[in-house]
Amino acid sequence: MRTISSDELKWIPYPGQRASVTEMQPLFQGDPDAPDNFEMYMIRYGEGGSHSPRHRHNFEQFRWAFEQPLNYGPNQDIPPGCLAYFPEGAYYGPQTNKHGSVMLIVQFGGASGQGYMDVQKLKRGTQELKAKGDFVRGVYTWTDDAGKKHNQDAYEAVWEHMSGRPLQYPRPRYSAPVLIEPDAFEWLPVAGATGVAMRRFGIFNERGTSAFQLRIAAGATFAWPAQSAVRLVYVLSGQLGVAGMNFPAKSSMALASRETADFRAIDEAVLLVFTMPNFHDAATGLAAA
């Protein structure tokens, strides 16, 4: 199991295909060649904020809002302490986020199996395209050899440049992002785990992509059994003990496919958990969490 705390990380520049001043804290990355490739990181918008036009992706996202709401469309915000799921192929936006907005974001290959272009490729492709065009407010603009001007979604332009082929968007399983309000969900006890409760937010596709929260009472333990899919954990509050080490709020864990873990809450801990799509087994079980 990999572990890290965002308090240990510096903010570094994020590729500027959507905003000129955006910073990130990279937490975890998956296998760039795998269909369930993922990246989990913190994003902070700098001076000028961020804007992007209405667009869609061939991958999926979860976004968690902290102190400020996160905009993802006209009159559509993720309130602080709330989560949103962005399905592959579904349009959203235009969106504008203010200077200082911070979010936890997980981006990953969707159930269609198209995978996910990691930030290293995104950065390299962005820099290469800047040699012949400009990125402004989420749009890439360039002029071809015949003098004709072109406008294209910024991410789409980078993806096609790096892939060498047109981007074919998957048919969306949901027509729009799904806004999730955690406090509207009831905490339910986890069978066989005294002092542990769960708020399950949803299983979103046939590959078992899911999001939920775990609450572990002070002194209680939770033995997490192996699963076929990758699980990503973010400590929202409290303090967690794992493998003899203490992890306070803002810590993160990544459990690989078929990996087990034993968690113990030093103080009552609330965890935000994401299950990545399962491409490891031909069949999925009924229990995705």
C-alpha atoms as a PDB file:
ATOM      1  CA  MET A   1       0.000   0.000   0.000  1.00  0.00           C
ATOM      2  CA  ARG A   2       1.265   3.452  -0.880  1.00  0.00           C
ATOM      3  CA  THR A   3       0.739   6.348   1.571  1.00  0.00           C
ATOM      4  CA  ILE A   4       1.343  10.090   1.426  1.00  0.00           C
ATOM      5  CA  SER A   5       0.235  13.337   3.094  1.00  0.00           C
ATOM      6  CA  SER A   6      -0.467  16.504   1.141  1.00  0.00           C
ATOM      7  CA  ASP A   7       1.183  18.429   3.979  1.00  0.00           C
ATOM      8  CA  GLU A   8       4.463  16.828   2.870  1.00  0.00           C
ATOM      9  CA  LEU A   9       4.139  18.015  -0.728  1.00  0.00           C
ATOM     10  CA  LYS A  10       4.946  21.263  -2.476  1.00  0.00           C
ATOM     11  CA  TRP A  11       2.575  22.895  -4.925  1.00  0.00           C
ATOM     12  CA  ILE A  12       3.939  22.609  -8.468  1.00  0.00           C
ATOM     13  CA  PRO A  13       2.707  24.062 -11.787  1.00  0.00           C
ATOM     14  CA  TYR A  14      -0.064  22.164 -13.557  1.00  0.00           C
ATOM     15  CA  PRO A  15      -0.069  22.024 -17.389  1.00  0.00           C
ATOM     16  CA  GLY A  16      -1.736  25.220 -18.551  1.00  0.00           C
ATOM     17  CA  GLN A  17      -4.122  24.021 -21.239  1.00  0.00           C
ATOM     18  CA  ARG A  18      -7.101  25.401 -19.255  1.00  0.00           C
ATOM     19  CA  ALA A  19      -5.761  27.973 -16.774  1.00  0.00           C
ATOM     20  CA  SER A  20      -2.618  30.055 -16.910  1.00  0.00           C
ATOM     21  CA  VAL A  21      -1.839  29.786 -13.175  1.00  0.00           C
ATOM     22  CA  THR A  22      -2.863  26.444 -11.688  1.00  0.00           C
ATOM     23  CA  GLU A  23      -0.945  24.410  -9.114  1.00  0.00           C
ATOM     24  CA  MET A  24      -1.129  20.761  -8.152  1.00  0.00           C
ATOM     25  CA  GLN A  25       0.046  18.321  -5.509  1.00  0.00           C
ATOM     26  CA  PRO A  26       0.419  14.892  -7.150  1.00  0.00           C
ATOM     27  CA  LEU A  27      -0.644  12.139  -4.752  1.00  0.00           C
ATOM     28  CA  PHE A  28      -0.834   8.867  -6.689  1.00  0.00           C
ATOM     29  CA  GLN A  29      -0.536   7.657 -10.262  1.00  0.00           C
ATOM     30  CA  GLY A  30      -1.427   4.335 -11.836  1.00  0.00           C
ATOM     31  CA  ASP A  31      -0.018   2.459 -14.823  1.00  0.00           C
ATOM     32  CA  PRO A  32      -0.093   4.765 -17.894  1.00  0.00           C
ATOM     33  CA  ASP A  33      -0.618   1.775 -20.205  1.00  0.00           C
ATOM     34  CA  ALA A  34      -3.488   0.213 -18.234  1.00  0.00           C
ATOM     35  CA  PRO A  35      -7.179   0.854 -18.974  1.00  0.00           C
ATOM     36  CA  ASP A  36      -7.701   1.700 -15.285  1.00  0.00           C
ATOM     37  CA  ASN A  37      -4.840   4.198 -15.192  1.00  0.00           C
ATOM     38  CA  PHE A  38      -5.534   6.963 -12.668  1.00  0.00           C
ATOM     39  CA  GLU A  39      -4.158  10.085 -11.060  1.00  0.00           C
ATOM     40  CA  MET A  40      -5.147  11.470  -7.682  1.00  0.00           C
ATOM     41  CA  TYR A  41      -4.034  14.974  -6.842  1.00  0.00           C
ATOM     42  CA  MET A  42      -4.913  18.303  -5.261  1.00  0.00           C
ATOM     43  CA  ILE A  43      -5.605  21.302  -7.488  1.00  0.00           C
ATOM     44  CA  ARG A  44      -5.364  24.977  -6.497  1.00  0.00           C
ATOM     45  CA  TYR A  45      -6.369  27.751  -8.900  1.00  0.00           C
ATOM     46  CA  GLY A  46      -4.083  30.764  -8.961  1.00  0.00           C
ATOM     47  CA  GLU A  47      -4.436  34.350 -10.110  1.00  0.00           C
ATOM     48  CA  GLY A  48      -7.164  34.712 -12.697  1.00  0.00           C
ATOM     49  CA  GLY A  49      -8.875  31.481 -11.670  1.00  0.00           C
ATOM     50  CA  SER A  50      -9.825  28.987 -14.351  1.00  0.00           C
ATOM     51  CA  HIS A  51     -12.297  28.890 -17.226  1.00  0.00           C
ATOM     52  CA  SER A  52     -13.186  26.229 -19.760  1.00  0.00           C
ATOM     53  CA  PRO A  53     -15.947  26.004 -22.361  1.00  0.00           C
ATOM     54  CA  ARG A  54     -18.593  23.317 -22.477  1.00  0.00           C
ATOM     55  CA  HIS A  55     -16.757  20.066 -23.203  1.00  0.00           C
ATOM     56  CA  ARG A  56     -16.511  16.343 -22.451  1.00  0.00           C
ATOM     57  CA  HIS A  57     -13.830  13.717 -21.854  1.00  0.00           C
ATOM     58  CA  ASN A  58     -12.984  10.156 -22.805  1.00  0.00           C
ATOM     59  CA  PHE A  59     -12.094   9.490 -19.139  1.00  0.00           C
ATOM     60  CA  GLU A  60     -13.846   9.989 -15.803  1.00  0.00           C
ATOM     61  CA  GLN A  61     -13.440  12.184 -12.724  1.00  0.00           C
ATOM     62  CA  PHE A  62     -14.389  12.581  -9.098  1.00  0.00           C
ATOM     63  CA  ARG A  63     -14.085  16.075  -7.590  1.00  0.00           C
ATOM     64  CA  TRP A  64     -14.304  16.969  -3.898  1.00  0.00           C
ATOM     65  CA  ALA A  65     -14.762  20.618  -2.857  1.00  0.00           C
ATOM     66  CA  PHE A  66     -13.093  22.037   0.255  1.00  0.00           C
ATOM     67  CA  GLU A  67     -13.601  25.626   1.537  1.00  0.00           C
ATOM     68  CA  GLN A  68     -14.976  27.128  -1.679  1.00  0.00           C
ATOM     69  CA  PRO A  69     -17.609  25.830  -4.103  1.00  0.00           C
ATOM     70  CA  LEU A  70     -16.404  24.394  -7.408  1.00  0.00           C
ATOM     71  CA  ASN A  71     -18.233  25.474 -10.518  1.00  0.00           C
ATOM     72  CA  TYR A  72     -18.896  22.984 -13.329  1.00  0.00           C
ATOM     73  CA  GLY A  73     -21.648  24.714 -15.308  1.00  0.00           C
ATOM     74  CA  PRO A  74     -24.061  27.668 -15.305  1.00  0.00           C
ATOM     75  CA  ASN A  75     -25.694  27.764 -11.858  1.00  0.00           C
ATOM     76  CA  GLN A  76     -24.044  24.419 -11.069  1.00  0.00           C
ATOM     77  CA  ASP A  77     -21.589  24.246  -8.174  1.00  0.00           C
ATOM     78  CA  ILE A  78     -20.133  21.525  -5.970  1.00  0.00           C
ATOM     79  CA  PRO A  79     -20.666  22.949  -2.457  1.00  0.00           C
ATOM     80  CA  PRO A  80     -17.871  22.629   0.112  1.00  0.00           C
ATOM     81  CA  GLY A  81     -17.858  19.158   1.599  1.00  0.00           C
ATOM     82  CA  CYS A  82     -19.570  17.648  -1.430  1.00  0.00           C
ATOM     83  CA  LEU A  83     -18.526  15.367  -4.266  1.00  0.00           C
ATOM     84  CA  ALA A  84     -19.305  15.114  -7.973  1.00  0.00           C
ATOM     85  CA  TYR A  85     -18.842  12.291 -10.455  1.00  0.00           C
ATOM     86  CA  PHE A  86     -18.091  13.201 -14.085  1.00  0.00           C
ATOM     87  CA  PRO A  87     -18.944  10.348 -16.491  1.00  0.00           C
ATOM     88  CA  GLU A  88     -16.949   9.739 -19.659  1.00  0.00           C
ATOM     89  CA  GLY A  89     -18.588  11.141 -22.766  1.00  0.00           C
ATOM     90  CA  ALA A  90     -20.955  13.482 -20.876  1.00  0.00           C
ATOM     91  CA  TYR A  91     -20.866  17.216 -21.612  1.00  0.00           C
ATOM     92  CA  TYR A  92     -20.496  19.786 -18.827  1.00  0.00           C
ATOM     93  CA  GLY A  93     -19.595  23.461 -18.539  1.00  0.00           C
ATOM     94  CA  PRO A  94     -18.804  26.161 -19.336  1.00  0.00           C
ATOM     95  CA  GLN A  95     -17.178  26.441 -15.934  1.00  0.00           C
ATOM     96  CA  THR A  96     -15.357  29.224 -14.118  1.00  0.00           C
ATOM     97  CA  ASN A  97     -13.559  28.784 -10.807  1.00  0.00           C
ATOM     98  CA  LYS A  98     -12.152  31.502  -8.598  1.00  0.00           C
ATOM     99  CA  HIS A  99      -8.619  32.222  -7.477  1.00  0.00           C
ATOM    100  CA  GLY A 100      -7.875  30.157  -4.382  1.00  0.00           C
ATOM    101  CA  SER A 101     -10.349  27.348  -5.025  1.00  0.00           C
ATOM    102  CA  VAL A 102      -8.952  23.966  -3.960  1.00  0.00           C
ATOM    103  CA  MET A 103     -10.184  20.499  -4.829  1.00  0.00           C
ATOM    104  CA  LEU A 104      -9.266  16.868  -4.532  1.00  0.00           C
ATOM    105  CA  ILE A 105      -9.566  15.272  -7.956  1.00  0.00           C
ATOM    106  CA  VAL A 106      -9.303  11.702  -9.176  1.00  0.00           C
ATOM    107  CA  GLN A 107      -9.099  11.211 -12.948  1.00  0.00           C
ATOM    108  CA  PHE A 108      -9.121   7.718 -14.409  1.00  0.00           C
ATOM    109  CA  GLY A 109      -9.903   5.560 -17.398  1.00  0.00           C
ATOM    110  CA  GLY A 110     -13.618   4.875 -17.719  1.00  0.00           C
ATOM    111  CA  ALA A 111     -15.524   1.640 -18.211  1.00  0.00           C
ATOM    112  CA  SER A 112     -15.182   1.896 -22.003  1.00  0.00           C
ATOM    113  CA  GLY A 113     -11.502   0.946 -21.632  1.00  0.00           C
ATOM    114  CA  GLN A 114      -9.981   3.977 -23.394  1.00  0.00           C
ATOM    115  CA  GLY A 115      -7.610   4.608 -20.506  1.00  0.00           C
ATOM    116  CA  TYR A 116      -6.334   7.952 -19.252  1.00  0.00           C
ATOM    117  CA  MET A 117      -3.562  10.221 -20.506  1.00  0.00           C
ATOM    118  CA  ASP A 118      -1.298  10.968 -17.543  1.00  0.00           C
ATOM    119  CA  VAL A 119      -0.096  14.438 -16.595  1.00  0.00           C
ATOM    120  CA  GLN A 120       3.394  13.887 -18.037  1.00  0.00           C
ATOM    121  CA  LYS A 121       1.955  13.336 -21.523  1.00  0.00           C
ATOM    122  CA  LEU A 122      -0.463  16.197 -20.992  1.00  0.00           C
ATOM    123  CA  LYS A 123       2.369  18.549 -20.086  1.00  0.00           C
ATOM    124  CA  ARG A 124       4.559  17.462 -22.999  1.00  0.00           C
ATOM    125  CA  GLY A 125       1.731  17.696 -25.521  1.00  0.00           C
ATOM    126  CA  THR A 126       0.693  21.128 -24.243  1.00  0.00           C
ATOM    127  CA  GLN A 127       4.206  22.487 -24.635  1.00  0.00           C
ATOM    128  CA  GLU A 128       4.573  21.016 -28.130  1.00  0.00           C
ATOM    129  CA  LEU A 129       1.285  22.520 -29.328  1.00  0.00           C
ATOM    130  CA  LYS A 130       2.197  25.940 -27.952  1.00  0.00           C
ATOM    131  CA  ALA A 131       4.854  26.073 -30.690  1.00  0.00           C
ATOM    132  CA  LYS A 132       2.147  26.569 -33.327  1.00  0.00           C
ATOM    133  CA  GLY A 133      -0.870  27.884 -31.425  1.00  0.00           C
ATOM    134  CA  ASP A 134      -2.299  29.331 -28.231  1.00  0.00           C
ATOM    135  CA  PHE A 135      -4.302  28.002 -25.276  1.00  0.00           C
ATOM    136  CA  VAL A 136      -6.839  30.568 -24.088  1.00  0.00           C
ATOM    137  CA  ARG A 137      -9.687  29.884 -21.626  1.00  0.00           C
ATOM    138  CA  GLY A 138      -9.781  26.174 -22.369  1.00  0.00           C
ATOM    139  CA  VAL A 139      -9.609  26.479 -26.170  1.00  0.00           C
ATOM    140  CA  TYR A 140      -6.643  25.710 -28.417  1.00  0.00           C
ATOM    141  CA  THR A 141      -6.401  28.044 -31.432  1.00  0.00           C
ATOM    142  CA  TRP A 142      -4.047  27.618 -34.376  1.00  0.00           C
ATOM    143  CA  THR A 143      -3.748  28.559 -38.049  1.00  0.00           C
ATOM    144  CA  ASP A 144      -3.060  25.861 -40.643  1.00  0.00           C
ATOM    145  CA  ASP A 145      -0.744  26.111 -43.672  1.00  0.00           C
ATOM    146  CA  ALA A 146      -3.611  27.398 -45.803  1.00  0.00           C
ATOM    147  CA  GLY A 147      -4.196  30.282 -43.418  1.00  0.00           C
ATOM    148  CA  LYS A 148      -7.409  28.872 -41.935  1.00  0.00           C
ATOM    149  CA  LYS A 149      -7.996  29.442 -38.215  1.00  0.00           C
ATOM    150  CA  HIS A 150      -9.061  26.520 -36.021  1.00  0.00           C
ATOM    151  CA  ASN A 151     -10.504  26.330 -32.517  1.00  0.00           C
ATOM    152  CA  GLN A 152     -10.568  23.073 -30.554  1.00  0.00           C
ATOM    153  CA  ASP A 153     -11.149  21.975 -26.975  1.00  0.00           C
ATOM    154  CA  ALA A 154      -7.777  22.231 -25.243  1.00  0.00           C
ATOM    155  CA  TYR A 155      -7.621  18.722 -23.794  1.00  0.00           C
ATOM    156  CA  GLU A 156      -8.957  17.148 -26.980  1.00  0.00           C
ATOM    157  CA  ALA A 157      -6.255  18.904 -28.993  1.00  0.00           C
ATOM    158  CA  VAL A 158      -3.497  17.596 -26.717  1.00  0.00           C
ATOM    159  CA  TRP A 159      -4.933  14.071 -26.663  1.00  0.00           C
ATOM    160  CA  GLU A 160      -5.119  13.882 -30.457  1.00  0.00           C
ATOM    161  CA  HIS A 161      -1.618  15.332 -30.785  1.00  0.00           C
ATOM    162  CA  MET A 162      -0.170  12.723 -28.412  1.00  0.00           C
ATOM    163  CA  SER A 163      -2.239   9.809 -29.768  1.00  0.00           C
ATOM    164  CA  GLY A 164      -1.894  10.621 -33.455  1.00  0.00           C
ATOM    165  CA  ARG A 165      -5.580   9.934 -34.154  1.00  0.00           C
ATOM    166  CA  PRO A 166      -8.998  11.551 -33.679  1.00  0.00           C
ATOM    167  CA  LEU A 167     -10.569  11.221 -30.241  1.00  0.00           C
ATOM    168  CA  GLN A 168     -13.678   9.022 -30.319  1.00  0.00           C
ATOM    169  CA  TYR A 169     -15.863   9.800 -27.313  1.00  0.00           C
ATOM    170  CA  PRO A 170     -17.676   6.902 -25.632  1.00  0.00           C
ATOM    171  CA  ARG A 171     -21.444   6.944 -25.394  1.00  0.00           C
ATOM    172  CA  PRO A 172     -22.207   8.533 -21.985  1.00  0.00           C
ATOM    173  CA  ARG A 173     -23.832   6.256 -19.405  1.00  0.00           C
ATOM    174  CA  TYR A 174     -25.113   9.382 -17.637  1.00  0.00           C
ATOM    175  CA  SER A 175     -26.175  12.535 -19.441  1.00  0.00           C
ATOM    176  CA  ALA A 176     -24.464  14.920 -17.013  1.00  0.00           C
ATOM    177  CA  PRO A 177     -22.235  15.029 -13.933  1.00  0.00           C
ATOM    178  CA  VAL A 178     -23.746  13.570 -10.765  1.00  0.00           C
ATOM    179  CA  LEU A 179     -23.680  15.900  -7.733  1.00  0.00           C
ATOM    180  CA  ILE A 180     -23.413  13.972  -4.444  1.00  0.00           C
ATOM    181  CA  GLU A 181     -24.343  15.513  -1.079  1.00  0.00           C
ATOM    182  CA  PRO A 182     -22.805  13.261   1.604  1.00  0.00           C
ATOM    183  CA  ASP A 183     -24.904  14.552   4.500  1.00  0.00           C
ATOM    184  CA  ALA A 184     -28.047  13.383   2.708  1.00  0.00           C
ATOM    185  CA  PHE A 185     -26.806   9.780   3.103  1.00  0.00           C
ATOM    186  CA  GLU A 186     -27.276   7.736   6.269  1.00  0.00           C
ATOM    187  CA  TRP A 187     -24.356   6.087   8.025  1.00  0.00           C
ATOM    188  CA  LEU A 188     -24.931   2.322   8.056  1.00  0.00           C
ATOM    189  CA  PRO A 189     -22.902  -0.173  10.129  1.00  0.00           C
ATOM    190  CA  VAL A 190     -20.402  -2.365   8.284  1.00  0.00           C
ATOM    191  CA  ALA A 191     -21.085  -6.030   8.978  1.00  0.00           C
ATOM    192  CA  GLY A 192     -18.438  -7.697  11.120  1.00  0.00           C
ATOM    193  CA  ALA A 193     -16.615  -4.430  11.911  1.00  0.00           C
ATOM    194  CA  THR A 194     -17.525  -2.959  15.305  1.00  0.00           C
ATOM    195  CA  GLY A 195     -17.371   0.827  15.340  1.00  0.00           C
ATOM    196  CA  VAL A 196     -17.213   1.130  11.531  1.00  0.00           C
ATOM    197  CA  ALA A 197     -19.951   2.721   9.415  1.00  0.00           C
ATOM    198  CA  MET A 198     -20.330   3.511   5.714  1.00  0.00           C
ATOM    199  CA  ARG A 199     -22.095   6.074   3.539  1.00  0.00           C
ATOM    200  CA  ARG A 200     -22.240   4.508   0.073  1.00  0.00           C
ATOM    201  CA  PHE A 201     -22.714   7.154  -2.624  1.00  0.00           C
ATOM    202  CA  GLY A 202     -23.089   4.935  -5.650  1.00  0.00           C
ATOM    203  CA  ILE A 203     -21.759   2.285  -8.003  1.00  0.00           C
ATOM    204  CA  PHE A 204     -21.620   4.054 -11.339  1.00  0.00           C
ATOM    205  CA  ASN A 205     -21.035   1.502 -14.066  1.00  0.00           C
ATOM    206  CA  GLU A 206     -20.675  -2.159 -14.950  1.00  0.00           C
ATOM    207  CA  ARG A 207     -16.989  -2.078 -13.959  1.00  0.00           C
ATOM    208  CA  GLY A 208     -17.834  -1.250 -10.342  1.00  0.00           C
ATOM    209  CA  THR A 209     -16.539   2.342 -10.180  1.00  0.00           C
ATOM    210  CA  SER A 210     -17.774   3.639  -6.826  1.00  0.00           C
ATOM    211  CA  ALA A 211     -17.409   6.273  -4.124  1.00  0.00           C
ATOM    212  CA  PHE A 212     -18.223   6.098  -0.428  1.00  0.00           C
ATOM    213  CA  GLN A 213     -17.173   7.262   3.019  1.00  0.00           C
ATOM    214  CA  LEU A 214     -16.005   5.156   5.962  1.00  0.00           C
ATOM    215  CA  ARG A 215     -16.256   6.342   9.561  1.00  0.00           C
ATOM    216  CA  ILE A 216     -14.076   4.467  12.052  1.00  0.00           C
ATOM    217  CA  ALA A 217     -14.646   5.171  15.743  1.00  0.00           C
ATOM    218  CA  ALA A 218     -11.672   6.013  17.964  1.00  0.00           C
ATOM    219  CA  GLY A 219      -9.921   2.781  18.891  1.00  0.00           C
ATOM    220  CA  ALA A 220     -11.860   0.706  16.356  1.00  0.00           C
ATOM    221  CA  THR A 221     -10.174  -1.289  13.599  1.00  0.00           C
ATOM    222  CA  PHE A 222     -11.177  -2.192  10.079  1.00  0.00           C
ATOM    223  CA  ALA A 223      -9.596  -5.112   8.236  1.00  0.00           C
ATOM    224  CA  TRP A 224     -10.057  -4.322   4.580  1.00  0.00           C
ATOM    225  CA  PRO A 225     -10.300  -7.490   2.476  1.00  0.00           C
ATOM    226  CA  ALA A 226      -8.712  -7.839  -0.938  1.00  0.00           C
ATOM    227  CA  GLN A 227     -10.583  -6.588  -4.011  1.00  0.00           C
ATOM    228  CA  SER A 228      -9.828  -6.842  -7.699  1.00  0.00           C
ATOM    229  CA  ALA A 229      -9.966  -3.092  -8.239  1.00  0.00           C
ATOM    230  CA  VAL A 230      -7.658  -0.303  -7.061  1.00  0.00           C
ATOM    231  CA  ARG A 231      -8.948   1.703  -4.072  1.00  0.00           C
ATOM    232  CA  LEU A 232      -7.916   5.285  -3.281  1.00  0.00           C
ATOM    233  CA  VAL A 233      -8.410   6.708   0.213  1.00  0.00           C
ATOM    234  CA  TYR A 234      -8.311  10.306   1.481  1.00  0.00           C
ATOM    235  CA  VAL A 235      -8.492  11.083   5.216  1.00  0.00           C
ATOM    236  CA  LEU A 236     -11.025  13.897   5.611  1.00  0.00           C
ATOM    237  CA  SER A 237     -10.815  14.130   9.404  1.00  0.00           C
ATOM    238  CA  GLY A 238      -9.401  12.367  12.439  1.00  0.00           C
ATOM    239  CA  GLN A 239      -6.269  10.267  12.602  1.00  0.00           C
ATOM    240  CA  LEU A 240      -5.645   6.818  11.221  1.00  0.00           C
ATOM    241  CA  GLY A 241      -3.067   4.207  12.153  1.00  0.00           C
ATOM    242  CA  VAL A 242      -1.806   1.965   9.351  1.00  0.00           C
ATOM    243  CA  ALA A 243       1.167  -0.435   9.522  1.00  0.00           C
ATOM    244  CA  GLY A 244       2.531   1.210  12.672  1.00  0.00           C
ATOM    245  CA  MET A 245       2.371   4.739  11.259  1.00  0.00           C
ATOM    246  CA  ASN A 246      -0.066   7.575  12.040  1.00  0.00           C
ATOM    247  CA  PHE A 247      -1.885   9.414   9.272  1.00  0.00           C
ATOM    248  CA  PRO A 248      -3.829  12.608  10.116  1.00  0.00           C
ATOM    249  CA  ALA A 249      -6.313  14.470   7.952  1.00  0.00           C
ATOM    250  CA  LYS A 250      -5.030  15.232   4.425  1.00  0.00           C
ATOM    251  CA  SER A 251      -3.275  11.862   4.225  1.00  0.00           C
ATOM    252  CA  SER A 252      -3.936   9.485   1.357  1.00  0.00           C
ATOM    253  CA  MET A 253      -3.564   5.771   0.670  1.00  0.00           C
ATOM    254  CA  ALA A 254      -3.636   3.715  -2.510  1.00  0.00           C
ATOM    255  CA  LEU A 255      -4.467   0.011  -2.302  1.00  0.00           C
ATOM    256  CA  ALA A 256      -3.456  -2.011  -5.347  1.00  0.00           C
ATOM    257  CA  SER A 257      -5.611  -4.716  -6.851  1.00  0.00           C
ATOM    258  CA  ARG A 258      -5.965  -7.662  -4.424  1.00  0.00           C
ATOM    259  CA  GLU A 259      -4.144  -5.821  -1.630  1.00  0.00           C
ATOM    260  CA  THR A 260      -5.386  -5.970   1.975  1.00  0.00           C
ATOM    261  CA  ALA A 261      -4.983  -3.377   4.731  1.00  0.00           C
ATOM    262  CA  ASP A 262      -5.674  -2.990   8.461  1.00  0.00           C
ATOM    263  CA  PHE A 263      -6.850   0.452   9.560  1.00  0.00           C
ATOM    264  CA  ARG A 264      -7.099   1.611  13.198  1.00  0.00           C
ATOM    265  CA  ALA A 265      -8.598   4.953  14.186  1.00  0.00           C
ATOM    266  CA  ILE A 266      -6.546   6.812  16.775  1.00  0.00           C
ATOM    267  CA  ASP A 267      -9.163   9.576  16.765  1.00  0.00           C
ATOM    268  CA  GLU A 268     -12.494   9.055  15.025  1.00  0.00           C
ATOM    269  CA  ALA A 269     -11.578   9.071  11.330  1.00  0.00           C
ATOM    270  CA  VAL A 270     -13.720   9.822   8.296  1.00  0.00           C
ATOM    271  CA  LEU A 271     -12.337   8.512   5.004  1.00  0.00           C
ATOM    272  CA  LEU A 272     -13.340   9.301   1.435  1.00  0.00           C
ATOM    273  CA  VAL A 273     -12.861   6.219  -0.747  1.00  0.00           C
ATOM    274  CA  PHE A 274     -12.863   5.747  -4.522  1.00  0.00           C
ATOM    275  CA  THR A 275     -12.973   2.346  -6.214  1.00  0.00           C
ATOM    276  CA  MET A 276     -11.465   2.363  -9.693  1.00  0.00           C
ATOM    277  CA  PRO A 277     -13.063   0.372 -12.551  1.00  0.00           C
ATOM    278  CA  ASN A 278     -12.328  -3.344 -12.430  1.00  0.00           C
ATOM    279  CA  PHE A 279     -10.529  -4.556 -15.557  1.00  0.00           C
ATOM    280  CA  HIS A 280      -8.750  -7.370 -13.711  1.00  0.00           C
ATOM    281  CA  ASP A 281     -11.600  -9.889 -13.617  1.00  0.00           C
ATOM    282  CA  ALA A 282     -13.930 -10.969 -16.404  1.00  0.00           C
ATOM    283  CA  ALA A 283     -16.834 -11.065 -13.923  1.00  0.00           C
ATOM    284  CA  THR A 284     -17.676  -8.723 -11.047  1.00  0.00           C
ATOM    285  CA  GLY A 285     -19.194  -9.711  -7.725  1.00  0.00           C
ATOM    286  CA  LEU A 286     -22.287  -8.224  -6.129  1.00  0.00           C
ATOM    287  CA  ALA A 287     -20.359  -6.437  -3.370  1.00  0.00           C
ATOM    288  CA  ALA A 288     -18.405  -3.566  -4.940  1.00  0.00           C
ATOM    289  CA  ALA A 289     -17.371  -1.916  -1.666  1.00  0.00           C
END
